[in-house]
Amino acid sequence: MFSTQISELAYQSLLLILILSGPPIVISMAFGLFVAIFQAATQIQEQTLSFTVKLVAVILTIMVMGGFLSAQILQFSNNIFQNFFKWGT
């Protein structure tokens, strides 16, 4: 009985990680593709340009979606703590 609860909790935590890391990764990929096309079109081969644009985009994404991301983490944590005593018995 306890092992099924642990596996369910592990599944939920991995799913939460995918949900939380999805938006910054997708935004980073989109901006990386845009910068790569821009660099290919203009023949600018600056290595730090791609990194800087993606870094700023990810930081802005985290700032904009911070409320949603932290609410998901808080809900998951509350679920763990509420069910902690149920699992112990």
N, C-alpha and C. Protein backbone atom coordinates (compact mmCIF):
# COMPACT_ATOMS: atom_id res chain seq x y z
N MET A 1 0.81 -1.18 0.00
CA MET A 1 0.00 0.00 0.00
C MET A 1 0.87 1.26 0.00
N PHE A 2 1.90 1.28 0.78
CA PHE A 2 2.76 2.45 0.87
C PHE A 2 3.56 2.65 -0.41
N SER A 3 3.95 1.55 -1.08
CA SER A 3 4.73 1.68 -2.31
C SER A 3 3.90 2.26 -3.44
N THR A 4 2.61 1.98 -3.48
CA THR A 4 1.77 2.57 -4.52
C THR A 4 1.62 4.07 -4.31
N GLN A 5 1.55 4.49 -3.06
CA GLN A 5 1.45 5.92 -2.79
C GLN A 5 2.74 6.64 -3.16
N ILE A 6 3.87 5.99 -2.90
CA ILE A 6 5.15 6.60 -3.27
C ILE A 6 5.28 6.68 -4.79
N SER A 7 4.88 5.65 -5.50
CA SER A 7 4.97 5.69 -6.96
C SER A 7 4.01 6.74 -7.53
N GLU A 8 2.84 6.88 -6.93
CA GLU A 8 1.91 7.92 -7.38
C GLU A 8 2.47 9.31 -7.12
N LEU A 9 3.10 9.49 -5.97
CA LEU A 9 3.72 10.77 -5.65
C LEU A 9 4.89 11.07 -6.58
N ALA A 10 5.67 10.06 -6.92
CA ALA A 10 6.78 10.25 -7.86
C ALA A 10 6.26 10.62 -9.24
N TYR A 11 5.18 9.98 -9.66
CA TYR A 11 4.56 10.31 -10.96
C TYR A 11 4.07 11.75 -10.97
N GLN A 12 3.40 12.17 -9.91
CA GLN A 12 2.89 13.53 -9.83
C GLN A 12 4.01 14.55 -9.81
N SER A 13 5.10 14.22 -9.12
CA SER A 13 6.21 15.17 -9.06
C SER A 13 6.91 15.30 -10.41
N LEU A 14 7.07 14.19 -11.13
CA LEU A 14 7.68 14.27 -12.46
C LEU A 14 6.78 15.03 -13.44
N LEU A 15 5.49 14.83 -13.32
CA LEU A 15 4.55 15.57 -14.17
C LEU A 15 4.60 17.06 -13.84
N LEU A 16 4.72 17.40 -12.57
CA LEU A 16 4.83 18.80 -12.17
C LEU A 16 6.11 19.42 -12.71
N ILE A 17 7.20 18.67 -12.70
CA ILE A 17 8.45 19.17 -13.26
C ILE A 17 8.31 19.47 -14.75
N LEU A 18 7.62 18.58 -15.46
CA LEU A 18 7.39 18.83 -16.89
C LEU A 18 6.53 20.07 -17.11
N ILE A 19 5.51 20.24 -16.29
CA ILE A 19 4.62 21.40 -16.43
C ILE A 19 5.38 22.70 -16.12
N LEU A 20 6.20 22.67 -15.09
CA LEU A 20 6.91 23.88 -14.69
C LEU A 20 8.05 24.24 -15.63
N SER A 21 8.70 23.26 -16.20
CA SER A 21 9.84 23.55 -17.07
C SER A 21 9.43 23.74 -18.52
N GLY A 22 8.20 23.42 -18.86
CA GLY A 22 7.75 23.52 -20.25
C GLY A 22 7.78 24.92 -20.83
N PRO A 23 7.11 25.90 -20.20
CA PRO A 23 7.08 27.24 -20.80
C PRO A 23 8.46 27.88 -21.01
N PRO A 24 9.38 27.86 -20.03
CA PRO A 24 10.70 28.45 -20.32
C PRO A 24 11.47 27.73 -21.43
N ILE A 25 11.31 26.41 -21.51
CA ILE A 25 12.02 25.67 -22.54
C ILE A 25 11.46 26.00 -23.92
N VAL A 26 10.13 26.06 -24.02
CA VAL A 26 9.51 26.37 -25.31
C VAL A 26 9.86 27.79 -25.76
N ILE A 27 9.81 28.74 -24.85
CA ILE A 27 10.18 30.12 -25.18
C ILE A 27 11.65 30.20 -25.59
N SER A 28 12.51 29.51 -24.87
CA SER A 28 13.93 29.50 -25.22
C SER A 28 14.17 28.90 -26.59
N MET A 29 13.47 27.83 -26.91
CA MET A 29 13.62 27.22 -28.23
C MET A 29 13.12 28.15 -29.33
N ALA A 30 12.00 28.82 -29.09
CA ALA A 30 11.45 29.72 -30.10
C ALA A 30 12.38 30.90 -30.36
N PHE A 31 12.88 31.51 -29.29
CA PHE A 31 13.79 32.63 -29.47
C PHE A 31 15.13 32.18 -30.04
N GLY A 32 15.58 30.99 -29.68
CA GLY A 32 16.81 30.45 -30.26
C GLY A 32 16.68 30.23 -31.76
N LEU A 33 15.54 29.72 -32.19
CA LEU A 33 15.30 29.53 -33.61
C LEU A 33 15.23 30.87 -34.34
N PHE A 34 14.54 31.84 -33.74
CA PHE A 34 14.46 33.17 -34.34
C PHE A 34 15.85 33.80 -34.49
N VAL A 35 16.66 33.72 -33.45
CA VAL A 35 18.00 34.30 -33.50
C VAL A 35 18.88 33.55 -34.50
N ALA A 36 18.73 32.24 -34.59
CA ALA A 36 19.52 31.47 -35.55
C ALA A 36 19.16 31.85 -36.99
N ILE A 37 17.87 32.03 -37.25
CA ILE A 37 17.46 32.47 -38.60
C ILE A 37 17.98 33.88 -38.87
N PHE A 38 17.89 34.75 -37.88
CA PHE A 38 18.41 36.11 -38.03
C PHE A 38 19.92 36.11 -38.28
N GLN A 39 20.65 35.29 -37.55
CA GLN A 39 22.10 35.22 -37.74
C GLN A 39 22.46 34.64 -39.10
N ALA A 40 21.69 33.67 -39.55
CA ALA A 40 21.97 33.09 -40.87
C ALA A 40 21.66 34.09 -41.98
N ALA A 41 20.61 34.88 -41.79
CA ALA A 41 20.23 35.85 -42.83
C ALA A 41 21.21 37.01 -42.90
N THR A 42 21.71 37.44 -41.76
CA THR A 42 22.60 38.60 -41.73
C THR A 42 24.07 38.22 -41.67
N GLN A 43 24.36 36.95 -41.57
CA GLN A 43 25.72 36.42 -41.46
C GLN A 43 26.48 36.99 -40.26
N ILE A 44 25.75 37.25 -39.19
CA ILE A 44 26.37 37.64 -37.92
C ILE A 44 26.62 36.36 -37.14
N GLN A 45 27.86 36.09 -36.83
CA GLN A 45 28.21 34.85 -36.14
C GLN A 45 28.70 35.13 -34.72
N GLU A 46 27.96 35.91 -33.99
CA GLU A 46 28.30 36.22 -32.61
C GLU A 46 27.70 35.15 -31.69
N GLN A 47 28.52 34.50 -30.91
CA GLN A 47 28.07 33.40 -30.06
C GLN A 47 27.24 33.88 -28.88
N THR A 48 27.55 35.05 -28.36
CA THR A 48 26.84 35.52 -27.16
C THR A 48 25.47 36.09 -27.48
N LEU A 49 25.20 36.41 -28.73
CA LEU A 49 23.90 36.97 -29.10
C LEU A 49 22.77 36.00 -28.81
N SER A 50 22.93 34.77 -29.23
CA SER A 50 21.90 33.76 -29.01
C SER A 50 21.70 33.50 -27.52
N PHE A 51 22.79 33.39 -26.80
CA PHE A 51 22.69 33.11 -25.36
C PHE A 51 22.01 34.25 -24.63
N THR A 52 22.37 35.49 -24.96
CA THR A 52 21.81 36.65 -24.26
C THR A 52 20.31 36.78 -24.51
N VAL A 53 19.89 36.61 -25.75
CA VAL A 53 18.47 36.73 -26.08
C VAL A 53 17.67 35.64 -25.38
N LYS A 54 18.18 34.41 -25.40
CA LYS A 54 17.46 33.32 -24.74
C LYS A 54 17.41 33.52 -23.23
N LEU A 55 18.49 34.02 -22.65
CA LEU A 55 18.52 34.26 -21.20
C LEU A 55 17.49 35.31 -20.80
N VAL A 56 17.43 36.40 -21.54
CA VAL A 56 16.45 37.44 -21.24
C VAL A 56 15.03 36.92 -21.43
N ALA A 57 14.80 36.14 -22.48
CA ALA A 57 13.46 35.60 -22.74
C ALA A 57 13.03 34.65 -21.62
N VAL A 58 13.94 33.82 -21.14
CA VAL A 58 13.60 32.88 -20.07
C VAL A 58 13.34 33.63 -18.76
N ILE A 59 14.14 34.63 -18.47
CA ILE A 59 13.92 35.41 -17.25
C ILE A 59 12.57 36.12 -17.30
N LEU A 60 12.23 36.71 -18.44
CA LEU A 60 10.93 37.37 -18.57
C LEU A 60 9.78 36.37 -18.47
N THR A 61 9.97 35.18 -19.03
CA THR A 61 8.93 34.14 -18.94
C THR A 61 8.70 33.73 -17.50
N ILE A 62 9.78 33.56 -16.77
CA ILE A 62 9.65 33.17 -15.36
C ILE A 62 9.01 34.30 -14.55
N MET A 63 9.35 35.54 -14.88
CA MET A 63 8.73 36.66 -14.17
C MET A 63 7.23 36.75 -14.45
N VAL A 64 6.85 36.53 -15.71
CA VAL A 64 5.44 36.63 -16.07
C VAL A 64 4.64 35.46 -15.51
N MET A 65 5.21 34.26 -15.60
CA MET A 65 4.48 33.06 -15.18
C MET A 65 4.80 32.66 -13.74
N GLY A 66 5.49 33.51 -13.01
CA GLY A 66 5.89 33.17 -11.65
C GLY A 66 4.74 32.83 -10.73
N GLY A 67 3.65 33.56 -10.86
CA GLY A 67 2.48 33.29 -10.02
C GLY A 67 1.90 31.91 -10.28
N PHE A 68 1.76 31.56 -11.54
CA PHE A 68 1.23 30.25 -11.90
C PHE A 68 2.17 29.14 -11.45
N LEU A 69 3.46 29.33 -11.69
CA LEU A 69 4.43 28.29 -11.33
C LEU A 69 4.50 28.08 -9.82
N SER A 70 4.52 29.17 -9.08
CA SER A 70 4.59 29.03 -7.62
C SER A 70 3.28 28.48 -7.06
N ALA A 71 2.16 28.80 -7.68
CA ALA A 71 0.88 28.25 -7.22
C ALA A 71 0.84 26.74 -7.41
N GLN A 72 1.41 26.25 -8.50
CA GLN A 72 1.47 24.81 -8.74
C GLN A 72 2.34 24.12 -7.70
N ILE A 73 3.48 24.71 -7.39
CA ILE A 73 4.37 24.14 -6.37
C ILE A 73 3.70 24.15 -5.00
N LEU A 74 3.01 25.26 -4.67
CA LEU A 74 2.32 25.37 -3.38
C LEU A 74 1.20 24.35 -3.28
N GLN A 75 0.45 24.16 -4.33
CA GLN A 75 -0.64 23.18 -4.32
C GLN A 75 -0.09 21.77 -4.14
N PHE A 76 1.00 21.45 -4.82
CA PHE A 76 1.61 20.12 -4.68
C PHE A 76 2.14 19.91 -3.27
N SER A 77 2.77 20.94 -2.71
CA SER A 77 3.29 20.83 -1.35
C SER A 77 2.17 20.66 -0.34
N ASN A 78 1.09 21.42 -0.51
CA ASN A 78 -0.05 21.27 0.39
C ASN A 78 -0.65 19.87 0.30
N ASN A 79 -0.71 19.33 -0.90
CA ASN A 79 -1.22 17.97 -1.08
C ASN A 79 -0.35 16.96 -0.35
N ILE A 80 0.95 17.13 -0.42
CA ILE A 80 1.85 16.21 0.28
C ILE A 80 1.66 16.30 1.80
N PHE A 81 1.62 17.53 2.33
CA PHE A 81 1.51 17.70 3.77
C PHE A 81 0.13 17.29 4.30
N GLN A 82 -0.92 17.49 3.52
CA GLN A 82 -2.25 17.08 3.97
C GLN A 82 -2.38 15.56 4.00
N ASN A 83 -1.74 14.90 3.07
CA ASN A 83 -1.84 13.44 3.02
C ASN A 83 -0.73 12.74 3.79
N PHE A 84 0.14 13.50 4.42
CA PHE A 84 1.26 12.90 5.14
C PHE A 84 0.79 11.99 6.27
N PHE A 85 -0.17 12.47 7.04
CA PHE A 85 -0.64 11.66 8.17
C PHE A 85 -1.52 10.52 7.72
N LYS A 86 -2.19 10.67 6.58
CA LYS A 86 -2.99 9.56 6.06
C LYS A 86 -2.09 8.43 5.60
N TRP A 87 -0.93 8.77 5.03
CA TRP A 87 0.00 7.74 4.55
C TRP A 87 0.68 7.01 5.70
N GLY A 88 0.86 7.71 6.81
CA GLY A 88 1.56 7.13 7.94
C GLY A 88 0.74 6.06 8.66
N THR A 89 -0.56 6.11 8.52
CA THR A 89 -1.39 5.15 9.25
C THR A 89 -1.73 3.96 8.39
